[in-house]
Amino acid sequence: MIVPMSTVLAVSAILFGIGVFGFLARRNIILMLVSTEVMLNAVNLSLAGFSQHLDDPRGQVLALFVIAVAAAEAAVGLGIVIALNRNKPGAGVGDLTDLKQ
């Protein structure tokens, strides 16, 4: 079954919008990381859709690189959250400046 390109782009735009809203509306670091992952998955969806539409595998290869970068981002982000929770349990995004010291 071939999905029209307009449908793929519409779903990708909706996912990206949900991710942006979640990132800007939340003050919880974990939810901000999840919202970033949703935005990266929206980009992956559009890359895979364009790859299929243009019959070129380079978009799918690029999507794999984006997945690898997202995994690294999640690991670094969780490391920062653990470091923040060790210093101040229950701390929010505003307390990230305390990690400079």
PDB file of N, CA and C in Angstrom:
ATOM      1  N   MET A   1       0.843  -1.178   0.000  1.00  0.00           N
ATOM      2  CA  MET A   1       0.000   0.000   0.000  1.00  0.00           C
ATOM      3  C   MET A   1       0.892   1.247   0.000  1.00  0.00           C
ATOM      4  N   ILE A   2       0.656   2.112  -0.929  1.00  0.00           N
ATOM      5  CA  ILE A   2       1.426   3.356  -1.051  1.00  0.00           C
ATOM      6  C   ILE A   2       0.652   4.472  -0.342  1.00  0.00           C
ATOM      7  N   VAL A   3       1.328   5.111   0.598  1.00  0.00           N
ATOM      8  CA  VAL A   3       0.728   6.222   1.327  1.00  0.00           C
ATOM      9  C   VAL A   3       1.073   7.515   0.588  1.00  0.00           C
ATOM     10  N   PRO A   4       0.091   8.391   0.354  1.00  0.00           N
ATOM     11  CA  PRO A   4       0.393   9.645  -0.344  1.00  0.00           C
ATOM     12  C   PRO A   4       1.374  10.511   0.453  1.00  0.00           C
ATOM     13  N   MET A   5       2.198  11.224  -0.282  1.00  0.00           N
ATOM     14  CA  MET A   5       3.223  12.058   0.354  1.00  0.00           C
ATOM     15  C   MET A   5       2.596  13.149   1.218  1.00  0.00           C
ATOM     16  N   SER A   6       1.453  13.664   0.825  1.00  0.00           N
ATOM     17  CA  SER A   6       0.802  14.706   1.616  1.00  0.00           C
ATOM     18  C   SER A   6       0.386  14.173   2.984  1.00  0.00           C
ATOM     19  N   THR A   7      -0.031  12.917   3.049  1.00  0.00           N
ATOM     20  CA  THR A   7      -0.414  12.321   4.329  1.00  0.00           C
ATOM     21  C   THR A   7       0.802  12.148   5.226  1.00  0.00           C
ATOM     22  N   VAL A   8       1.892  11.692   4.643  1.00  0.00           N
ATOM     23  CA  VAL A   8       3.124  11.517   5.421  1.00  0.00           C
ATOM     24  C   VAL A   8       3.597  12.856   5.974  1.00  0.00           C
ATOM     25  N   LEU A   9       3.576  13.891   5.161  1.00  0.00           N
ATOM     26  CA  LEU A   9       4.019  15.207   5.621  1.00  0.00           C
ATOM     27  C   LEU A   9       3.068  15.801   6.642  1.00  0.00           C
ATOM     28  N   ALA A  10       1.773  15.544   6.497  1.00  0.00           N
ATOM     29  CA  ALA A  10       0.803  16.049   7.470  1.00  0.00           C
ATOM     30  C   ALA A  10       1.011  15.388   8.830  1.00  0.00           C
ATOM     31  N   VAL A  11       1.189  14.067   8.849  1.00  0.00           N
ATOM     32  CA  VAL A  11       1.435  13.372  10.116  1.00  0.00           C
ATOM     33  C   VAL A  11       2.753  13.832  10.719  1.00  0.00           C
ATOM     34  N   SER A  12       3.765  14.027   9.887  1.00  0.00           N
ATOM     35  CA  SER A  12       5.061  14.491  10.373  1.00  0.00           C
ATOM     36  C   SER A  12       4.946  15.894  10.970  1.00  0.00           C
ATOM     37  N   ALA A  13       4.202  16.768  10.320  1.00  0.00           N
ATOM     38  CA  ALA A  13       4.030  18.130  10.839  1.00  0.00           C
ATOM     39  C   ALA A  13       3.249  18.130  12.153  1.00  0.00           C
ATOM     40  N   ILE A  14       2.241  17.282  12.250  1.00  0.00           N
ATOM     41  CA  ILE A  14       1.467  17.189  13.493  1.00  0.00           C
ATOM     42  C   ILE A  14       2.351  16.677  14.630  1.00  0.00           C
ATOM     43  N   LEU A  15       3.138  15.638  14.365  1.00  0.00           N
ATOM     44  CA  LEU A  15       4.048  15.117  15.388  1.00  0.00           C
ATOM     45  C   LEU A  15       5.075  16.165  15.812  1.00  0.00           C
ATOM     46  N   PHE A  16       5.609  16.888  14.838  1.00  0.00           N
ATOM     47  CA  PHE A  16       6.594  17.916  15.170  1.00  0.00           C
ATOM     48  C   PHE A  16       5.954  19.017  16.005  1.00  0.00           C
ATOM     49  N   GLY A  17       4.735  19.401  15.665  1.00  0.00           N
ATOM     50  CA  GLY A  17       4.030  20.421  16.446  1.00  0.00           C
ATOM     51  C   GLY A  17       3.757  19.968  17.873  1.00  0.00           C
ATOM     52  N   ILE A  18       3.373  18.704  18.040  1.00  0.00           N
ATOM     53  CA  ILE A  18       3.167  18.159  19.383  1.00  0.00           C
ATOM     54  C   ILE A  18       4.465  18.189  20.167  1.00  0.00           C
ATOM     55  N   GLY A  19       5.566  17.848  19.510  1.00  0.00           N
ATOM     56  CA  GLY A  19       6.864  17.872  20.178  1.00  0.00           C
ATOM     57  C   GLY A  19       7.283  19.274  20.598  1.00  0.00           C
ATOM     58  N   VAL A  20       7.068  20.253  19.717  1.00  0.00           N
ATOM     59  CA  VAL A  20       7.429  21.636  20.049  1.00  0.00           C
ATOM     60  C   VAL A  20       6.572  22.142  21.205  1.00  0.00           C
ATOM     61  N   PHE A  21       5.274  21.856  21.147  1.00  0.00           N
ATOM     62  CA  PHE A  21       4.392  22.287  22.230  1.00  0.00           C
ATOM     63  C   PHE A  21       4.793  21.637  23.552  1.00  0.00           C
ATOM     64  N   GLY A  22       5.082  20.340  23.513  1.00  0.00           N
ATOM     65  CA  GLY A  22       5.491  19.650  24.728  1.00  0.00           C
ATOM     66  C   GLY A  22       6.793  20.185  25.281  1.00  0.00           C
ATOM     67  N   PHE A  23       7.715  20.549  24.413  1.00  0.00           N
ATOM     68  CA  PHE A  23       8.996  21.082  24.869  1.00  0.00           C
ATOM     69  C   PHE A  23       8.832  22.462  25.499  1.00  0.00           C
ATOM     70  N   LEU A  24       8.009  23.299  24.883  1.00  0.00           N
ATOM     71  CA  LEU A  24       7.863  24.664  25.378  1.00  0.00           C
ATOM     72  C   LEU A  24       6.923  24.765  26.574  1.00  0.00           C
ATOM     73  N   ALA A  25       5.979  23.845  26.700  1.00  0.00           N
ATOM     74  CA  ALA A  25       4.972  23.952  27.749  1.00  0.00           C
ATOM     75  C   ALA A  25       5.389  23.288  29.053  1.00  0.00           C
ATOM     76  N   ARG A  26       6.388  22.421  29.039  1.00  0.00           N
ATOM     77  CA  ARG A  26       6.744  21.655  30.231  1.00  0.00           C
ATOM     78  C   ARG A  26       7.988  22.228  30.890  1.00  0.00           C
ATOM     79  N   ARG A  27       8.080  22.049  32.179  1.00  0.00           N
ATOM     80  CA  ARG A  27       9.257  22.437  32.946  1.00  0.00           C
ATOM     81  C   ARG A  27       9.965  21.203  33.501  1.00  0.00           C
ATOM     82  N   ASN A  28       9.489  20.017  33.172  1.00  0.00           N
ATOM     83  CA  ASN A  28      10.100  18.777  33.618  1.00  0.00           C
ATOM     84  C   ASN A  28      11.136  18.348  32.581  1.00  0.00           C
ATOM     85  N   ILE A  29      12.335  18.032  33.039  1.00  0.00           N
ATOM     86  CA  ILE A  29      13.425  17.721  32.120  1.00  0.00           C
ATOM     87  C   ILE A  29      13.149  16.441  31.340  1.00  0.00           C
ATOM     88  N   ILE A  30      12.585  15.436  32.001  1.00  0.00           N
ATOM     89  CA  ILE A  30      12.302  14.169  31.330  1.00  0.00           C
ATOM     90  C   ILE A  30      11.280  14.373  30.215  1.00  0.00           C
ATOM     91  N   LEU A  31      10.234  15.140  30.495  1.00  0.00           N
ATOM     92  CA  LEU A  31       9.222  15.387  29.458  1.00  0.00           C
ATOM     93  C   LEU A  31       9.788  16.226  28.315  1.00  0.00           C
ATOM     94  N   MET A  32      10.737  17.091  28.612  1.00  0.00           N
ATOM     95  CA  MET A  32      11.375  17.857  27.547  1.00  0.00           C
ATOM     96  C   MET A  32      12.209  16.937  26.653  1.00  0.00           C
ATOM     97  N   LEU A  33      12.885  15.949  27.250  1.00  0.00           N
ATOM     98  CA  LEU A  33      13.637  14.982  26.452  1.00  0.00           C
ATOM     99  C   LEU A  33      12.709  14.127  25.590  1.00  0.00           C
ATOM    100  N   VAL A  34      11.577  13.729  26.153  1.00  0.00           N
ATOM    101  CA  VAL A  34      10.607  12.947  25.375  1.00  0.00           C
ATOM    102  C   VAL A  34      10.058  13.771  24.218  1.00  0.00           C
ATOM    103  N   SER A  35       9.797  15.046  24.458  1.00  0.00           N
ATOM    104  CA  SER A  35       9.308  15.916  23.385  1.00  0.00           C
ATOM    105  C   SER A  35      10.353  16.080  22.284  1.00  0.00           C
ATOM    106  N   THR A  36      11.624  16.147  22.663  1.00  0.00           N
ATOM    107  CA  THR A  36      12.687  16.218  21.664  1.00  0.00           C
ATOM    108  C   THR A  36      12.727  14.948  20.826  1.00  0.00           C
ATOM    109  N   GLU A  37      12.517  13.807  21.470  1.00  0.00           N
ATOM    110  CA  GLU A  37      12.477  12.536  20.735  1.00  0.00           C
ATOM    111  C   GLU A  37      11.300  12.495  19.764  1.00  0.00           C
ATOM    112  N   VAL A  38      10.164  13.043  20.164  1.00  0.00           N
ATOM    113  CA  VAL A  38       8.999  13.089  19.265  1.00  0.00           C
ATOM    114  C   VAL A  38       9.311  13.950  18.042  1.00  0.00           C
ATOM    115  N   MET A  39       9.999  15.079  18.259  1.00  0.00           N
ATOM    116  CA  MET A  39      10.370  15.934  17.129  1.00  0.00           C
ATOM    117  C   MET A  39      11.345  15.222  16.192  1.00  0.00           C
ATOM    118  N   LEU A  40      12.309  14.507  16.754  1.00  0.00           N
ATOM    119  CA  LEU A  40      13.255  13.777  15.906  1.00  0.00           C
ATOM    120  C   LEU A  40      12.564  12.642  15.145  1.00  0.00           C
ATOM    121  N   ASN A  41      11.591  11.999  15.768  1.00  0.00           N
ATOM    122  CA  ASN A  41      10.840  10.962  15.062  1.00  0.00           C
ATOM    123  C   ASN A  41       9.987  11.539  13.939  1.00  0.00           C
ATOM    124  N   ALA A  42       9.489  12.757  14.112  1.00  0.00           N
ATOM    125  CA  ALA A  42       8.753  13.408  13.031  1.00  0.00           C
ATOM    126  C   ALA A  42       9.677  13.675  11.841  1.00  0.00           C
ATOM    127  N   VAL A  43      10.890  14.085  12.134  1.00  0.00           N
ATOM    128  CA  VAL A  43      11.873  14.300  11.059  1.00  0.00           C
ATOM    129  C   VAL A  43      12.194  12.981  10.372  1.00  0.00           C
ATOM    130  N   ASN A  44      12.351  11.908  11.159  1.00  0.00           N
ATOM    131  CA  ASN A  44      12.621  10.592  10.575  1.00  0.00           C
ATOM    132  C   ASN A  44      11.482  10.135   9.683  1.00  0.00           C
ATOM    133  N   LEU A  45      10.256  10.406  10.092  1.00  0.00           N
ATOM    134  CA  LEU A  45       9.110  10.029   9.276  1.00  0.00           C
ATOM    135  C   LEU A  45       9.118  10.763   7.938  1.00  0.00           C
ATOM    136  N   SER A  46       9.416  12.043   7.952  1.00  0.00           N
ATOM    137  CA  SER A  46       9.458  12.787   6.693  1.00  0.00           C
ATOM    138  C   SER A  46      10.640  12.344   5.830  1.00  0.00           C
ATOM    139  N   LEU A  47      11.778  12.037   6.448  1.00  0.00           N
ATOM    140  CA  LEU A  47      12.921  11.528   5.678  1.00  0.00           C
ATOM    141  C   LEU A  47      12.589  10.202   5.006  1.00  0.00           C
ATOM    142  N   ALA A  48      11.958   9.302   5.744  1.00  0.00           N
ATOM    143  CA  ALA A  48      11.592   8.010   5.169  1.00  0.00           C
ATOM    144  C   ALA A  48      10.521   8.171   4.096  1.00  0.00           C
ATOM    145  N   GLY A  49       9.602   9.089   4.301  1.00  0.00           N
ATOM    146  CA  GLY A  49       8.570   9.336   3.295  1.00  0.00           C
ATOM    147  C   GLY A  49       9.150   9.893   2.000  1.00  0.00           C
ATOM    148  N   PHE A  50      10.045  10.867   2.127  1.00  0.00           N
ATOM    149  CA  PHE A  50      10.692  11.404   0.924  1.00  0.00           C
ATOM    150  C   PHE A  50      11.575  10.356   0.255  1.00  0.00           C
ATOM    151  N   SER A  51      12.214   9.528   1.055  1.00  0.00           N
ATOM    152  CA  SER A  51      13.043   8.468   0.500  1.00  0.00           C
ATOM    153  C   SER A  51      12.213   7.493  -0.326  1.00  0.00           C
ATOM    154  N   GLN A  52      11.061   7.142   0.185  1.00  0.00           N
ATOM    155  CA  GLN A  52      10.187   6.218  -0.543  1.00  0.00           C
ATOM    156  C   GLN A  52       9.589   6.894  -1.777  1.00  0.00           C
ATOM    157  N   HIS A  53       9.237   8.173  -1.624  1.00  0.00           N
ATOM    158  CA  HIS A  53       8.629   8.904  -2.739  1.00  0.00           C
ATOM    159  C   HIS A  53       9.612   9.109  -3.890  1.00  0.00           C
ATOM    160  N   LEU A  54      10.850   9.394  -3.558  1.00  0.00           N
ATOM    161  CA  LEU A  54      11.870   9.642  -4.579  1.00  0.00           C
ATOM    162  C   LEU A  54      12.605   8.376  -5.005  1.00  0.00           C
ATOM    163  N   ASP A  55      12.293   7.257  -4.357  1.00  0.00           N
ATOM    164  CA  ASP A  55      12.921   5.966  -4.647  1.00  0.00           C
ATOM    165  C   ASP A  55      14.438   6.058  -4.513  1.00  0.00           C
ATOM    166  N   ASP A  56      14.864   6.672  -3.404  1.00  0.00           N
ATOM    167  CA  ASP A  56      16.275   6.879  -3.124  1.00  0.00           C
ATOM    168  C   ASP A  56      16.545   6.474  -1.677  1.00  0.00           C
ATOM    169  N   PRO A  57      17.435   5.529  -1.424  1.00  0.00           N
ATOM    170  CA  PRO A  57      17.643   5.052  -0.049  1.00  0.00           C
ATOM    171  C   PRO A  57      18.443   5.998   0.849  1.00  0.00           C
ATOM    172  N   ARG A  58      18.926   7.108   0.314  1.00  0.00           N
ATOM    173  CA  ARG A  58      19.740   8.005   1.137  1.00  0.00           C
ATOM    174  C   ARG A  58      18.947   8.621   2.287  1.00  0.00           C
ATOM    175  N   GLY A  59      17.664   8.834   2.093  1.00  0.00           N
ATOM    176  CA  GLY A  59      16.834   9.368   3.171  1.00  0.00           C
ATOM    177  C   GLY A  59      16.714   8.397   4.331  1.00  0.00           C
ATOM    178  N   GLN A  60      16.628   7.120   4.030  1.00  0.00           N
ATOM    179  CA  GLN A  60      16.542   6.119   5.090  1.00  0.00           C
ATOM    180  C   GLN A  60      17.867   5.992   5.831  1.00  0.00           C
ATOM    181  N   VAL A  61      18.969   6.117   5.115  1.00  0.00           N
ATOM    182  CA  VAL A  61      20.285   6.085   5.759  1.00  0.00           C
ATOM    183  C   VAL A  61      20.438   7.290   6.678  1.00  0.00           C
ATOM    184  N   LEU A  62      20.002   8.449   6.218  1.00  0.00           N
ATOM    185  CA  LEU A  62      20.072   9.648   7.045  1.00  0.00           C
ATOM    186  C   LEU A  62      19.182   9.495   8.279  1.00  0.00           C
ATOM    187  N   ALA A  63      18.032   8.851   8.125  1.00  0.00           N
ATOM    188  CA  ALA A  63      17.153   8.610   9.275  1.00  0.00           C
ATOM    189  C   ALA A  63      17.848   7.718  10.306  1.00  0.00           C
ATOM    190  N   LEU A  64      18.637   6.749   9.860  1.00  0.00           N
ATOM    191  CA  LEU A  64      19.385   5.918  10.801  1.00  0.00           C
ATOM    192  C   LEU A  64      20.413   6.737  11.573  1.00  0.00           C
ATOM    193  N   PHE A  65      21.053   7.692  10.907  1.00  0.00           N
ATOM    194  CA  PHE A  65      21.994   8.568  11.600  1.00  0.00           C
ATOM    195  C   PHE A  65      21.268   9.447  12.617  1.00  0.00           C
ATOM    196  N   VAL A  66      20.074   9.907  12.278  1.00  0.00           N
ATOM    197  CA  VAL A  66      19.293  10.713  13.215  1.00  0.00           C
ATOM    198  C   VAL A  66      18.911   9.876  14.431  1.00  0.00           C
ATOM    199  N   ILE A  67      18.580   8.602  14.222  1.00  0.00           N
ATOM    200  CA  ILE A  67      18.266   7.718  15.341  1.00  0.00           C
ATOM    201  C   ILE A  67      19.489   7.552  16.249  1.00  0.00           C
ATOM    202  N   ALA A  68      20.671   7.429  15.663  1.00  0.00           N
ATOM    203  CA  ALA A  68      21.894   7.302  16.461  1.00  0.00           C
ATOM    204  C   ALA A  68      22.160   8.568  17.269  1.00  0.00           C
ATOM    205  N   VAL A  69      21.954   9.727  16.660  1.00  0.00           N
ATOM    206  CA  VAL A  69      22.145  10.990  17.376  1.00  0.00           C
ATOM    207  C   VAL A  69      21.110  11.120  18.489  1.00  0.00           C
ATOM    208  N   ALA A  70      19.888  10.672  18.247  1.00  0.00           N
ATOM    209  CA  ALA A  70      18.844  10.731  19.271  1.00  0.00           C
ATOM    210  C   ALA A  70      19.189   9.839  20.454  1.00  0.00           C
ATOM    211  N   ALA A  71      19.782   8.682  20.198  1.00  0.00           N
ATOM    212  CA  ALA A  71      20.185   7.801  21.290  1.00  0.00           C
ATOM    213  C   ALA A  71      21.286   8.447  22.124  1.00  0.00           C
ATOM    214  N   ALA A  72      22.234   9.088  21.463  1.00  0.00           N
ATOM    215  CA  ALA A  72      23.301   9.781  22.189  1.00  0.00           C
ATOM    216  C   ALA A  72      22.735  10.953  22.993  1.00  0.00           C
ATOM    217  N   GLU A  73      21.789  11.663  22.413  1.00  0.00           N
ATOM    218  CA  GLU A  73      21.158  12.791  23.105  1.00  0.00           C
ATOM    219  C   GLU A  73      20.411  12.317  24.339  1.00  0.00           C
ATOM    220  N   ALA A  74      19.729  11.190  24.231  1.00  0.00           N
ATOM    221  CA  ALA A  74      18.999  10.654  25.382  1.00  0.00           C
ATOM    222  C   ALA A  74      19.963  10.222  26.482  1.00  0.00           C
ATOM    223  N   ALA A  75      21.091   9.628  26.110  1.00  0.00           N
ATOM    224  CA  ALA A  75      22.071   9.198  27.111  1.00  0.00           C
ATOM    225  C   ALA A  75      22.676  10.394  27.837  1.00  0.00           C
ATOM    226  N   VAL A  76      23.038  11.427  27.105  1.00  0.00           N
ATOM    227  CA  VAL A  76      23.613  12.624  27.724  1.00  0.00           C
ATOM    228  C   VAL A  76      22.558  13.330  28.579  1.00  0.00           C
ATOM    229  N   GLY A  77      21.350  13.418  28.071  1.00  0.00           N
ATOM    230  CA  GLY A  77      20.269  14.071  28.821  1.00  0.00           C
ATOM    231  C   GLY A  77      19.963  13.350  30.116  1.00  0.00           C
ATOM    232  N   LEU A  78      19.909  12.033  30.082  1.00  0.00           N
ATOM    233  CA  LEU A  78      19.653  11.282  31.304  1.00  0.00           C
ATOM    234  C   LEU A  78      20.820  11.399  32.282  1.00  0.00           C
ATOM    235  N   GLY A  79      22.028  11.496  31.767  1.00  0.00           N
ATOM    236  CA  GLY A  79      23.178  11.731  32.637  1.00  0.00           C
ATOM    237  C   GLY A  79      23.077  13.067  33.353  1.00  0.00           C
ATOM    238  N   ILE A  80      22.634  14.086  32.644  1.00  0.00           N
ATOM    239  CA  ILE A  80      22.447  15.402  33.263  1.00  0.00           C
ATOM    240  C   ILE A  80      21.350  15.349  34.312  1.00  0.00           C
ATOM    241  N   VAL A  81      20.267  14.625  34.025  1.00  0.00           N
ATOM    242  CA  VAL A  81      19.169  14.507  34.988  1.00  0.00           C
ATOM    243  C   VAL A  81      19.643  13.795  36.249  1.00  0.00           C
ATOM    244  N   ILE A  82      20.432  12.746  36.098  1.00  0.00           N
ATOM    245  CA  ILE A  82      20.941  12.027  37.263  1.00  0.00           C
ATOM    246  C   ILE A  82      21.875  12.923  38.082  1.00  0.00           C
ATOM    247  N   ALA A  83      22.741  13.671  37.408  1.00  0.00           N
ATOM    248  CA  ALA A  83      23.630  14.584  38.124  1.00  0.00           C
ATOM    249  C   ALA A  83      22.846  15.660  38.855  1.00  0.00           C
ATOM    250  N   LEU A  84      21.791  16.158  38.239  1.00  0.00           N
ATOM    251  CA  LEU A  84      20.968  17.187  38.866  1.00  0.00           C
ATOM    252  C   LEU A  84      20.223  16.621  40.073  1.00  0.00           C
ATOM    253  N   ASN A  85      19.702  15.407  39.952  1.00  0.00           N
ATOM    254  CA  ASN A  85      18.968  14.799  41.068  1.00  0.00           C
ATOM    255  C   ASN A  85      19.878  14.449  42.233  1.00  0.00           C
ATOM    256  N   ARG A  86      21.142  14.179  41.976  1.00  0.00           N
ATOM    257  CA  ARG A  86      22.073  13.917  43.074  1.00  0.00           C
ATOM    258  C   ARG A  86      22.356  15.182  43.862  1.00  0.00           C
ATOM    259  N   ASN A  87      22.416  16.315  43.169  1.00  0.00           N
ATOM    260  CA  ASN A  87      22.679  17.587  43.847  1.00  0.00           C
ATOM    261  C   ASN A  87      21.439  18.117  44.552  1.00  0.00           C
ATOM    262  N   LYS A  88      20.316  18.130  43.856  1.00  0.00           N
ATOM    263  CA  LYS A  88      19.063  18.654  44.398  1.00  0.00           C
ATOM    264  C   LYS A  88      17.919  17.750  43.970  1.00  0.00           C
ATOM    265  N   PRO A  89      17.461  16.881  44.833  1.00  0.00           N
ATOM    266  CA  PRO A  89      16.325  16.023  44.458  1.00  0.00           C
ATOM    267  C   PRO A  89      15.075  16.857  44.179  1.00  0.00           C
ATOM    268  N   GLY A  90      14.397  16.504  43.118  1.00  0.00           N
ATOM    269  CA  GLY A  90      13.173  17.216  42.751  1.00  0.00           C
ATOM    270  C   GLY A  90      13.424  18.540  42.056  1.00  0.00           C
ATOM    271  N   ALA A  91      14.624  18.777  41.569  1.00  0.00           N
ATOM    272  CA  ALA A  91      14.954  20.047  40.924  1.00  0.00           C
ATOM    273  C   ALA A  91      14.370  20.103  39.523  1.00  0.00           C
ATOM    274  N   GLY A  92      14.103  21.298  39.058  1.00  0.00           N
ATOM    275  CA  GLY A  92      13.534  21.497  37.735  1.00  0.00           C
ATOM    276  C   GLY A  92      14.549  22.061  36.756  1.00  0.00           C
ATOM    277  N   VAL A  93      14.040  22.566  35.656  1.00  0.00           N
ATOM    278  CA  VAL A  93      14.899  23.097  34.595  1.00  0.00           C
ATOM    279  C   VAL A  93      15.644  24.341  35.057  1.00  0.00           C
ATOM    280  N   GLY A  94      15.022  25.135  35.895  1.00  0.00           N
ATOM    281  CA  GLY A  94      15.665  26.356  36.381  1.00  0.00           C
ATOM    282  C   GLY A  94      16.892  26.108  37.235  1.00  0.00           C
ATOM    283  N   ASP A  95      17.010  24.909  37.765  1.00  0.00           N
ATOM    284  CA  ASP A  95      18.158  24.586  38.617  1.00  0.00           C
ATOM    285  C   ASP A  95      19.347  24.040  37.851  1.00  0.00           C
ATOM    286  N   LEU A  96      19.273  23.984  36.525  1.00  0.00           N
ATOM    287  CA  LEU A  96      20.380  23.473  35.746  1.00  0.00           C
ATOM    288  C   LEU A  96      21.608  24.369  35.809  1.00  0.00           C
ATOM    289  N   THR A  97      21.430  25.637  36.104  1.00  0.00           N
ATOM    290  CA  THR A  97      22.585  26.539  36.191  1.00  0.00           C
ATOM    291  C   THR A  97      23.443  26.204  37.394  1.00  0.00           C
ATOM    292  N   ASP A  98      22.912  25.480  38.375  1.00  0.00           N
ATOM    293  CA  ASP A  98      23.712  25.078  39.526  1.00  0.00           C
ATOM    294  C   ASP A  98      24.757  24.048  39.172  1.00  0.00           C
ATOM    295  N   LEU A  99      24.636  23.381  38.026  1.00  0.00           N
ATOM    296  CA  LEU A  99      25.600  22.363  37.631  1.00  0.00           C
ATOM    297  C   LEU A  99      26.904  22.976  37.114  1.00  0.00           C
ATOM    298  N   LYS A 100      26.940  24.273  36.885  1.00  0.00           N
ATOM    299  CA  LYS A 100      28.162  24.925  36.402  1.00  0.00           C
ATOM    300  C   LYS A 100      29.283  24.872  37.430  1.00  0.00           C
ATOM    301  N   GLN A 101      28.931  24.862  38.684  1.00  0.00           N
ATOM    302  CA  GLN A 101      29.929  24.972  39.744  1.00  0.00           C
ATOM    303  C   GLN A 101      30.650  23.706  39.977  1.00  0.00           C
TER     304      GLN A 101
END
